[in-house]
Amino acid sequence: MREKFYITNISCASCVDKIESVLHKLECVSYVNIDINNNTLEIDTTNIDLAIKTIKSIESNVNISKEIPKIDEFNTKNSLYKRPS
């Protein structure tokens, strides 16, 4: 089932590529897309706990939540930053 999460503390496109590449190798993940401009993570997985654990093993400072983060939790280093709608 595809789910949407909010992801913060990530601003580097190469970090996103690295995370997506590793997640695509997991048998439990059939789809993943991280949008750093909207701070969103869309993922289709049968094991969300493993997927989140994997993300945090690559980028330990990343925060992942189903709730829209408070404005101060967003990555303001990203010049293209905007609050998700």
C-alpha atoms as a PDB file:
ATOM      1  CA  MET A   1       0.000   0.000   0.000  1.00  0.00           C
ATOM      2  CA  ARG A   2       1.391   3.406  -0.972  1.00  0.00           C
ATOM      3  CA  GLU A   3       1.721   5.816   1.924  1.00  0.00           C
ATOM      4  CA  LYS A   4       2.748   9.457   2.198  1.00  0.00           C
ATOM      5  CA  PHE A   5       5.034  10.749   4.924  1.00  0.00           C
ATOM      6  CA  TYR A   6       6.691  14.059   5.641  1.00  0.00           C
ATOM      7  CA  ILE A   7      10.471  13.955   5.687  1.00  0.00           C
ATOM      8  CA  THR A   8      12.633  16.711   7.140  1.00  0.00           C
ATOM      9  CA  ASN A   9      16.334  17.436   7.602  1.00  0.00           C
ATOM     10  CA  ILE A  10      17.269  16.351   4.115  1.00  0.00           C
ATOM     11  CA  SER A  11      18.291  18.852   1.450  1.00  0.00           C
ATOM     12  CA  CYS A  12      20.860  17.108  -0.687  1.00  0.00           C
ATOM     13  CA  ALA A  13      19.782  15.534  -3.987  1.00  0.00           C
ATOM     14  CA  SER A  14      22.591  12.996  -3.791  1.00  0.00           C
ATOM     15  CA  CYS A  15      21.379  11.941  -0.331  1.00  0.00           C
ATOM     16  CA  VAL A  16      17.893  11.433  -1.751  1.00  0.00           C
ATOM     17  CA  ASP A  17      19.304   9.387  -4.638  1.00  0.00           C
ATOM     18  CA  LYS A  18      21.287   7.260  -2.214  1.00  0.00           C
ATOM     19  CA  ILE A  19      18.245   6.571   0.000  1.00  0.00           C
ATOM     20  CA  GLU A  20      15.979   5.797  -2.960  1.00  0.00           C
ATOM     21  CA  SER A  21      18.588   3.495  -4.481  1.00  0.00           C
ATOM     22  CA  VAL A  22      19.014   1.488  -1.287  1.00  0.00           C
ATOM     23  CA  LEU A  23      15.256   1.284  -0.665  1.00  0.00           C
ATOM     24  CA  HIS A  24      14.622   0.045  -4.217  1.00  0.00           C
ATOM     25  CA  LYS A  25      16.922  -2.888  -3.447  1.00  0.00           C
ATOM     26  CA  LEU A  26      14.727  -4.000  -0.535  1.00  0.00           C
ATOM     27  CA  GLU A  27      12.342  -6.780  -1.502  1.00  0.00           C
ATOM     28  CA  CYS A  28       9.597  -5.206   0.629  1.00  0.00           C
ATOM     29  CA  VAL A  29       9.683  -1.884  -1.277  1.00  0.00           C
ATOM     30  CA  SER A  30       7.951  -1.639  -4.646  1.00  0.00           C
ATOM     31  CA  TYR A  31       7.912   2.169  -4.990  1.00  0.00           C
ATOM     32  CA  VAL A  32       9.682   5.101  -3.357  1.00  0.00           C
ATOM     33  CA  ASN A  33       9.865   8.803  -4.158  1.00  0.00           C
ATOM     34  CA  ILE A  34      11.385  11.519  -1.993  1.00  0.00           C
ATOM     35  CA  ASP A  35      10.532  15.104  -2.923  1.00  0.00           C
ATOM     36  CA  ILE A  36      12.866  17.468  -1.057  1.00  0.00           C
ATOM     37  CA  ASN A  37      11.049  20.532  -2.376  1.00  0.00           C
ATOM     38  CA  ASN A  38       7.823  19.459  -0.665  1.00  0.00           C
ATOM     39  CA  ASN A  39       9.494  17.463   2.118  1.00  0.00           C
ATOM     40  CA  THR A  40       7.503  14.348   1.241  1.00  0.00           C
ATOM     41  CA  LEU A  41       8.216  10.649   1.042  1.00  0.00           C
ATOM     42  CA  GLU A  42       5.877   8.388  -0.904  1.00  0.00           C
ATOM     43  CA  ILE A  43       6.508   4.712  -0.440  1.00  0.00           C
ATOM     44  CA  ASP A  44       4.825   1.420  -1.232  1.00  0.00           C
ATOM     45  CA  THR A  45       6.159  -1.214   1.123  1.00  0.00           C
ATOM     46  CA  THR A  46       5.061  -4.244   3.075  1.00  0.00           C
ATOM     47  CA  ASN A  47       7.469  -3.355   5.892  1.00  0.00           C
ATOM     48  CA  ILE A  48       7.442   0.348   6.733  1.00  0.00           C
ATOM     49  CA  ASP A  49       9.474  -0.199   9.902  1.00  0.00           C
ATOM     50  CA  LEU A  50      12.348  -1.710   7.912  1.00  0.00           C
ATOM     51  CA  ALA A  51      12.134   1.081   5.323  1.00  0.00           C
ATOM     52  CA  ILE A  52      12.313   3.806   7.981  1.00  0.00           C
ATOM     53  CA  LYS A  53      15.122   2.005   9.797  1.00  0.00           C
ATOM     54  CA  THR A  54      17.007   1.795   6.498  1.00  0.00           C
ATOM     55  CA  ILE A  55      16.515   5.505   5.792  1.00  0.00           C
ATOM     56  CA  LYS A  56      17.770   6.420   9.262  1.00  0.00           C
ATOM     57  CA  SER A  57      20.802   4.147   8.849  1.00  0.00           C
ATOM     58  CA  ILE A  58      21.770   6.178   5.772  1.00  0.00           C
ATOM     59  CA  GLU A  59      20.815   9.644   7.075  1.00  0.00           C
ATOM     60  CA  SER A  60      20.490   9.553  10.854  1.00  0.00           C
ATOM     61  CA  ASN A  61      19.226  13.156  11.211  1.00  0.00           C
ATOM     62  CA  VAL A  62      16.208  12.621   8.973  1.00  0.00           C
ATOM     63  CA  ASN A  63      12.787  12.917  10.597  1.00  0.00           C
ATOM     64  CA  ILE A  64       9.835  11.001   9.133  1.00  0.00           C
ATOM     65  CA  SER A  65       6.253  11.597  10.187  1.00  0.00           C
ATOM     66  CA  LYS A  66       2.677  11.129   9.024  1.00  0.00           C
ATOM     67  CA  GLU A  67       1.860  14.535  10.544  1.00  0.00           C
ATOM     68  CA  ILE A  68       2.750  17.816   8.838  1.00  0.00           C
ATOM     69  CA  PRO A  69       5.807  19.021  10.764  1.00  0.00           C
ATOM     70  CA  LYS A  70       5.841  22.363  12.542  1.00  0.00           C
ATOM     71  CA  ILE A  71       7.513  25.072  10.509  1.00  0.00           C
ATOM     72  CA  ASP A  72      10.698  25.021  12.619  1.00  0.00           C
ATOM     73  CA  GLU A  73      11.173  21.298  11.852  1.00  0.00           C
ATOM     74  CA  PHE A  74      11.468  21.887   8.117  1.00  0.00           C
ATOM     75  CA  ASN A  75      14.838  22.065   6.489  1.00  0.00           C
ATOM     76  CA  THR A  76      15.357  25.760   5.907  1.00  0.00           C
ATOM     77  CA  LYS A  77      18.773  25.218   4.285  1.00  0.00           C
ATOM     78  CA  ASN A  78      16.971  24.250   1.099  1.00  0.00           C
ATOM     79  CA  SER A  79      16.533  27.434  -0.918  1.00  0.00           C
ATOM     80  CA  LEU A  80      13.577  25.880  -2.707  1.00  0.00           C
ATOM     81  CA  TYR A  81      11.883  25.258   0.634  1.00  0.00           C
ATOM     82  CA  LYS A  82       8.139  25.608   0.854  1.00  0.00           C
ATOM     83  CA  ARG A  83       5.638  24.193   3.274  1.00  0.00           C
ATOM     84  CA  PRO A  84       3.762  21.214   1.783  1.00  0.00           C
ATOM     85  CA  SER A  85       0.164  21.838   0.860  1.00  0.00           C
END
